[in-house]
Amino acid sequence: MERISSSALLKELFSLGILSREDLEVAQRALAVRNALVYGFEATELDQTTEAVARLAQQLLAELDQHVE
């Protein structure tokens, strides 16, 4: 099975309408912060990005819960 990059996966979720443009931007910022931390660079806006990702995760889980019922 071929591995898809995180960036490509986010773009695919956006193109399928699962993520809004705002959601995509939040996820891309989170990915940039993750990459900075992994490679030992300073991550800017860490607190704001973490809060935005937590809100996005709650939103996506709520939407998933609606579709599962």
PDB file of N, CA and C in Angstrom:
ATOM      1  N   MET A   1       0.841  -1.177   0.000  1.00  0.00           N
ATOM      2  CA  MET A   1       0.000   0.000   0.000  1.00  0.00           C
ATOM      3  C   MET A   1       0.887   1.242   0.000  1.00  0.00           C
ATOM      4  N   GLU A   2       0.568   2.171  -0.854  1.00  0.00           N
ATOM      5  CA  GLU A   2       1.358   3.387  -0.984  1.00  0.00           C
ATOM      6  C   GLU A   2       1.012   4.374   0.129  1.00  0.00           C
ATOM      7  N   ARG A   3       2.044   4.988   0.691  1.00  0.00           N
ATOM      8  CA  ARG A   3       1.850   5.967   1.761  1.00  0.00           C
ATOM      9  C   ARG A   3       1.571   7.333   1.142  1.00  0.00           C
ATOM     10  N   ILE A   4       0.585   8.028   1.688  1.00  0.00           N
ATOM     11  CA  ILE A   4       0.264   9.378   1.234  1.00  0.00           C
ATOM     12  C   ILE A   4       0.785  10.362   2.277  1.00  0.00           C
ATOM     13  N   SER A   5       1.345  11.460   1.833  1.00  0.00           N
ATOM     14  CA  SER A   5       1.880  12.445   2.769  1.00  0.00           C
ATOM     15  C   SER A   5       0.743  13.147   3.511  1.00  0.00           C
ATOM     16  N   SER A   6       1.067  13.666   4.668  1.00  0.00           N
ATOM     17  CA  SER A   6       0.064  14.385   5.464  1.00  0.00           C
ATOM     18  C   SER A   6      -0.489  15.569   4.686  1.00  0.00           C
ATOM     19  N   SER A   7       0.372  16.284   4.012  1.00  0.00           N
ATOM     20  CA  SER A   7      -0.046  17.439   3.223  1.00  0.00           C
ATOM     21  C   SER A   7      -1.008  17.034   2.105  1.00  0.00           C
ATOM     22  N   ALA A   8      -0.682  15.955   1.416  1.00  0.00           N
ATOM     23  CA  ALA A   8      -1.549  15.471   0.340  1.00  0.00           C
ATOM     24  C   ALA A   8      -2.890  14.997   0.892  1.00  0.00           C
ATOM     25  N   LEU A   9      -2.869  14.351   2.051  1.00  0.00           N
ATOM     26  CA  LEU A   9      -4.109  13.892   2.678  1.00  0.00           C
ATOM     27  C   LEU A   9      -4.998  15.076   3.035  1.00  0.00           C
ATOM     28  N   LEU A  10      -4.423  16.124   3.592  1.00  0.00           N
ATOM     29  CA  LEU A  10      -5.209  17.313   3.930  1.00  0.00           C
ATOM     30  C   LEU A  10      -5.840  17.923   2.685  1.00  0.00           C
ATOM     31  N   LYS A  11      -5.074  18.011   1.606  1.00  0.00           N
ATOM     32  CA  LYS A  11      -5.603  18.565   0.350  1.00  0.00           C
ATOM     33  C   LYS A  11      -6.723  17.691  -0.202  1.00  0.00           C
ATOM     34  N   GLU A  12      -6.589  16.381  -0.068  1.00  0.00           N
ATOM     35  CA  GLU A  12      -7.629  15.463  -0.536  1.00  0.00           C
ATOM     36  C   GLU A  12      -8.910  15.627   0.287  1.00  0.00           C
ATOM     37  N   LEU A  13      -8.768  15.752   1.607  1.00  0.00           N
ATOM     38  CA  LEU A  13      -9.931  15.962   2.467  1.00  0.00           C
ATOM     39  C   LEU A  13     -10.632  17.276   2.130  1.00  0.00           C
ATOM     40  N   PHE A  14      -9.853  18.293   1.786  1.00  0.00           N
ATOM     41  CA  PHE A  14     -10.427  19.567   1.369  1.00  0.00           C
ATOM     42  C   PHE A  14     -11.169  19.409   0.041  1.00  0.00           C
ATOM     43  N   SER A  15     -10.550  18.729  -0.912  1.00  0.00           N
ATOM     44  CA  SER A  15     -11.178  18.574  -2.232  1.00  0.00           C
ATOM     45  C   SER A  15     -12.452  17.738  -2.160  1.00  0.00           C
ATOM     46  N   LEU A  16     -12.536  16.850  -1.167  1.00  0.00           N
ATOM     47  CA  LEU A  16     -13.747  16.045  -0.981  1.00  0.00           C
ATOM     48  C   LEU A  16     -14.826  16.776  -0.188  1.00  0.00           C
ATOM     49  N   GLY A  17     -14.486  17.970   0.304  1.00  0.00           N
ATOM     50  CA  GLY A  17     -15.461  18.754   1.052  1.00  0.00           C
ATOM     51  C   GLY A  17     -15.546  18.385   2.527  1.00  0.00           C
ATOM     52  N   ILE A  18     -14.643  17.561   2.992  1.00  0.00           N
ATOM     53  CA  ILE A  18     -14.643  17.158   4.401  1.00  0.00           C
ATOM     54  C   ILE A  18     -14.077  18.275   5.262  1.00  0.00           C
ATOM     55  N   LEU A  19     -13.072  18.966   4.738  1.00  0.00           N
ATOM     56  CA  LEU A  19     -12.490  20.117   5.428  1.00  0.00           C
ATOM     57  C   LEU A  19     -12.853  21.390   4.670  1.00  0.00           C
ATOM     58  N   SER A  20     -13.211  22.429   5.406  1.00  0.00           N
ATOM     59  CA  SER A  20     -13.426  23.737   4.793  1.00  0.00           C
ATOM     60  C   SER A  20     -12.065  24.375   4.546  1.00  0.00           C
ATOM     61  N   ARG A  21     -12.053  25.485   3.858  1.00  0.00           N
ATOM     62  CA  ARG A  21     -10.784  26.185   3.621  1.00  0.00           C
ATOM     63  C   ARG A  21     -10.160  26.593   4.956  1.00  0.00           C
ATOM     64  N   GLU A  22     -10.987  27.066   5.892  1.00  0.00           N
ATOM     65  CA  GLU A  22     -10.482  27.452   7.221  1.00  0.00           C
ATOM     66  C   GLU A  22      -9.908  26.236   7.955  1.00  0.00           C
ATOM     67  N   ASP A  23     -10.620  25.100   7.878  1.00  0.00           N
ATOM     68  CA  ASP A  23     -10.128  23.863   8.503  1.00  0.00           C
ATOM     69  C   ASP A  23      -8.788  23.451   7.907  1.00  0.00           C
ATOM     70  N   LEU A  24      -8.683  23.545   6.593  1.00  0.00           N
ATOM     71  CA  LEU A  24      -7.444  23.193   5.905  1.00  0.00           C
ATOM     72  C   LEU A  24      -6.295  24.072   6.388  1.00  0.00           C
ATOM     73  N   GLU A  25      -6.556  25.364   6.525  1.00  0.00           N
ATOM     74  CA  GLU A  25      -5.515  26.282   6.985  1.00  0.00           C
ATOM     75  C   GLU A  25      -5.076  25.951   8.406  1.00  0.00           C
ATOM     76  N   VAL A  26      -6.024  25.613   9.274  1.00  0.00           N
ATOM     77  CA  VAL A  26      -5.686  25.216  10.647  1.00  0.00           C
ATOM     78  C   VAL A  26      -4.813  23.968  10.629  1.00  0.00           C
ATOM     79  N   ALA A  27      -5.214  22.986   9.852  1.00  0.00           N
ATOM     80  CA  ALA A  27      -4.464  21.730   9.787  1.00  0.00           C
ATOM     81  C   ALA A  27      -3.075  21.947   9.193  1.00  0.00           C
ATOM     82  N   GLN A  28      -2.966  22.794   8.192  1.00  0.00           N
ATOM     83  CA  GLN A  28      -1.657  23.081   7.594  1.00  0.00           C
ATOM     84  C   GLN A  28      -0.749  23.827   8.572  1.00  0.00           C
ATOM     85  N   ARG A  29      -1.335  24.752   9.355  1.00  0.00           N
ATOM     86  CA  ARG A  29      -0.533  25.436  10.381  1.00  0.00           C
ATOM     87  C   ARG A  29      -0.038  24.425  11.415  1.00  0.00           C
ATOM     88  N   ALA A  30      -0.922  23.507  11.810  1.00  0.00           N
ATOM     89  CA  ALA A  30      -0.539  22.486  12.784  1.00  0.00           C
ATOM     90  C   ALA A  30       0.586  21.610  12.235  1.00  0.00           C
ATOM     91  N   LEU A  31       0.502  21.268  10.975  1.00  0.00           N
ATOM     92  CA  LEU A  31       1.547  20.462  10.353  1.00  0.00           C
ATOM     93  C   LEU A  31       2.876  21.227  10.319  1.00  0.00           C
ATOM     94  N   ALA A  32       2.816  22.511  10.047  1.00  0.00           N
ATOM     95  CA  ALA A  32       4.033  23.330  10.036  1.00  0.00           C
ATOM     96  C   ALA A  32       4.645  23.403  11.440  1.00  0.00           C
ATOM     97  N   VAL A  33       3.807  23.552  12.461  1.00  0.00           N
ATOM     98  CA  VAL A  33       4.289  23.578  13.844  1.00  0.00           C
ATOM     99  C   VAL A  33       4.905  22.235  14.193  1.00  0.00           C
ATOM    100  N   ARG A  34       4.245  21.161  13.836  1.00  0.00           N
ATOM    101  CA  ARG A  34       4.766  19.815  14.098  1.00  0.00           C
ATOM    102  C   ARG A  34       6.133  19.635  13.460  1.00  0.00           C
ATOM    103  N   ASN A  35       6.246  20.038  12.204  1.00  0.00           N
ATOM    104  CA  ASN A  35       7.522  19.890  11.500  1.00  0.00           C
ATOM    105  C   ASN A  35       8.619  20.721  12.152  1.00  0.00           C
ATOM    106  N   ALA A  36       8.288  21.937  12.565  1.00  0.00           N
ATOM    107  CA  ALA A  36       9.278  22.785  13.230  1.00  0.00           C
ATOM    108  C   ALA A  36       9.770  22.118  14.506  1.00  0.00           C
ATOM    109  N   LEU A  37       8.854  21.587  15.304  1.00  0.00           N
ATOM    110  CA  LEU A  37       9.231  20.945  16.560  1.00  0.00           C
ATOM    111  C   LEU A  37      10.067  19.690  16.327  1.00  0.00           C
ATOM    112  N   VAL A  38       9.670  18.884  15.370  1.00  0.00           N
ATOM    113  CA  VAL A  38      10.385  17.639  15.087  1.00  0.00           C
ATOM    114  C   VAL A  38      11.821  17.908  14.658  1.00  0.00           C
ATOM    115  N   TYR A  39      12.011  18.974  13.882  1.00  0.00           N
ATOM    116  CA  TYR A  39      13.342  19.261  13.364  1.00  0.00           C
ATOM    117  C   TYR A  39      14.117  20.259  14.221  1.00  0.00           C
ATOM    118  N   GLY A  40      13.599  20.552  15.413  1.00  0.00           N
ATOM    119  CA  GLY A  40      14.335  21.356  16.374  1.00  0.00           C
ATOM    120  C   GLY A  40      14.270  22.852  16.181  1.00  0.00           C
ATOM    121  N   PHE A  41      13.309  23.317  15.415  1.00  0.00           N
ATOM    122  CA  PHE A  41      13.152  24.749  15.222  1.00  0.00           C
ATOM    123  C   PHE A  41      12.126  25.299  16.206  1.00  0.00           C
ATOM    124  N   GLU A  42      12.146  26.612  16.375  1.00  0.00           N
ATOM    125  CA  GLU A  42      11.168  27.252  17.241  1.00  0.00           C
ATOM    126  C   GLU A  42       9.817  27.283  16.526  1.00  0.00           C
ATOM    127  N   ALA A  43       8.786  26.888  17.239  1.00  0.00           N
ATOM    128  CA  ALA A  43       7.438  26.902  16.672  1.00  0.00           C
ATOM    129  C   ALA A  43       6.740  28.179  17.110  1.00  0.00           C
ATOM    130  N   THR A  44       6.312  28.960  16.136  1.00  0.00           N
ATOM    131  CA  THR A  44       5.600  30.193  16.457  1.00  0.00           C
ATOM    132  C   THR A  44       4.114  29.899  16.622  1.00  0.00           C
ATOM    133  N   GLU A  45       3.461  30.691  17.440  1.00  0.00           N
ATOM    134  CA  GLU A  45       2.015  30.582  17.670  1.00  0.00           C
ATOM    135  C   GLU A  45       1.601  29.190  18.117  1.00  0.00           C
ATOM    136  N   LEU A  46       2.401  28.567  18.948  1.00  0.00           N
ATOM    137  CA  LEU A  46       2.122  27.207  19.404  1.00  0.00           C
ATOM    138  C   LEU A  46       0.798  27.126  20.162  1.00  0.00           C
ATOM    139  N   ASP A  47       0.566  28.048  21.097  1.00  0.00           N
ATOM    140  CA  ASP A  47      -0.660  28.018  21.891  1.00  0.00           C
ATOM    141  C   ASP A  47      -1.901  28.208  21.025  1.00  0.00           C
ATOM    142  N   GLN A  48      -1.864  29.187  20.123  1.00  0.00           N
ATOM    143  CA  GLN A  48      -3.013  29.459  19.265  1.00  0.00           C
ATOM    144  C   GLN A  48      -3.288  28.284  18.324  1.00  0.00           C
ATOM    145  N   THR A  49      -2.226  27.719  17.794  1.00  0.00           N
ATOM    146  CA  THR A  49      -2.385  26.593  16.879  1.00  0.00           C
ATOM    147  C   THR A  49      -2.938  25.379  17.609  1.00  0.00           C
ATOM    148  N   THR A  50      -2.455  25.124  18.812  1.00  0.00           N
ATOM    149  CA  THR A  50      -2.941  23.992  19.597  1.00  0.00           C
ATOM    150  C   THR A  50      -4.429  24.144  19.896  1.00  0.00           C
ATOM    151  N   GLU A  51      -4.841  25.343  20.280  1.00  0.00           N
ATOM    152  CA  GLU A  51      -6.254  25.593  20.564  1.00  0.00           C
ATOM    153  C   GLU A  51      -7.105  25.420  19.307  1.00  0.00           C
ATOM    154  N   ALA A  52      -6.619  25.920  18.180  1.00  0.00           N
ATOM    155  CA  ALA A  52      -7.367  25.801  16.923  1.00  0.00           C
ATOM    156  C   ALA A  52      -7.505  24.341  16.497  1.00  0.00           C
ATOM    157  N   VAL A  53      -6.450  23.562  16.677  1.00  0.00           N
ATOM    158  CA  VAL A  53      -6.496  22.134  16.322  1.00  0.00           C
ATOM    159  C   VAL A  53      -7.469  21.393  17.239  1.00  0.00           C
ATOM    160  N   ALA A  54      -7.469  21.739  18.515  1.00  0.00           N
ATOM    161  CA  ALA A  54      -8.402  21.098  19.453  1.00  0.00           C
ATOM    162  C   ALA A  54      -9.844  21.399  19.059  1.00  0.00           C
ATOM    163  N   ARG A  55     -10.125  22.646  18.679  1.00  0.00           N
ATOM    164  CA  ARG A  55     -11.486  22.996  18.228  1.00  0.00           C
ATOM    165  C   ARG A  55     -11.847  22.228  16.959  1.00  0.00           C
ATOM    166  N   LEU A  56     -10.907  22.148  16.024  1.00  0.00           N
ATOM    167  CA  LEU A  56     -11.155  21.427  14.775  1.00  0.00           C
ATOM    168  C   LEU A  56     -11.428  19.951  15.051  1.00  0.00           C
ATOM    169  N   ALA A  57     -10.644  19.354  15.934  1.00  0.00           N
ATOM    170  CA  ALA A  57     -10.845  17.941  16.263  1.00  0.00           C
ATOM    171  C   ALA A  57     -12.222  17.720  16.889  1.00  0.00           C
ATOM    172  N   GLN A  58     -12.632  18.604  17.793  1.00  0.00           N
ATOM    173  CA  GLN A  58     -13.957  18.480  18.407  1.00  0.00           C
ATOM    174  C   GLN A  58     -15.055  18.609  17.362  1.00  0.00           C
ATOM    175  N   GLN A  59     -14.884  19.557  16.445  1.00  0.00           N
ATOM    176  CA  GLN A  59     -15.867  19.757  15.379  1.00  0.00           C
ATOM    177  C   GLN A  59     -15.971  18.526  14.485  1.00  0.00           C
ATOM    178  N   LEU A  60     -14.835  17.992  14.073  1.00  0.00           N
ATOM    179  CA  LEU A  60     -14.838  16.815  13.193  1.00  0.00           C
ATOM    180  C   LEU A  60     -15.424  15.592  13.898  1.00  0.00           C
ATOM    181  N   LEU A  61     -15.115  15.423  15.176  1.00  0.00           N
ATOM    182  CA  LEU A  61     -15.689  14.308  15.938  1.00  0.00           C
ATOM    183  C   LEU A  61     -17.199  14.447  16.078  1.00  0.00           C
ATOM    184  N   ALA A  62     -17.683  15.664  16.289  1.00  0.00           N
ATOM    185  CA  ALA A  62     -19.124  15.902  16.387  1.00  0.00           C
ATOM    186  C   ALA A  62     -19.806  15.589  15.056  1.00  0.00           C
ATOM    187  N   GLU A  63     -19.186  16.003  13.949  1.00  0.00           N
ATOM    188  CA  GLU A  63     -19.743  15.708  12.629  1.00  0.00           C
ATOM    189  C   GLU A  63     -19.747  14.203  12.359  1.00  0.00           C
ATOM    190  N   LEU A  64     -18.675  13.524  12.745  1.00  0.00           N
ATOM    191  CA  LEU A  64     -18.599  12.075  12.564  1.00  0.00           C
ATOM    192  C   LEU A  64     -19.687  11.397  13.378  1.00  0.00           C
ATOM    193  N   ASP A  65     -19.877  11.847  14.596  1.00  0.00           N
ATOM    194  CA  ASP A  65     -20.888  11.275  15.482  1.00  0.00           C
ATOM    195  C   ASP A  65     -22.285  11.415  14.866  1.00  0.00           C
ATOM    196  N   GLN A  66     -22.565  12.534  14.209  1.00  0.00           N
ATOM    197  CA  GLN A  66     -23.864  12.742  13.549  1.00  0.00           C
ATOM    198  C   GLN A  66     -24.063  11.768  12.401  1.00  0.00           C
ATOM    199  N   HIS A  67     -23.004  11.453  11.675  1.00  0.00           N
ATOM    200  CA  HIS A  67     -23.116  10.563  10.517  1.00  0.00           C
ATOM    201  C   HIS A  67     -23.178   9.095  10.922  1.00  0.00           C
ATOM    202  N   VAL A  68     -22.679   8.773  12.097  1.00  0.00           N
ATOM    203  CA  VAL A  68     -22.649   7.387  12.550  1.00  0.00           C
ATOM    204  C   VAL A  68     -24.006   6.962  13.103  1.00  0.00           C
ATOM    205  N   GLU A  69     -24.729   7.914  13.687  1.00  0.00           N
ATOM    206  CA  GLU A  69     -26.011   7.576  14.330  1.00  0.00           C
ATOM    207  C   GLU A  69     -27.035   7.056  13.382  1.00  0.00           C
TER     208      GLU A  69
END
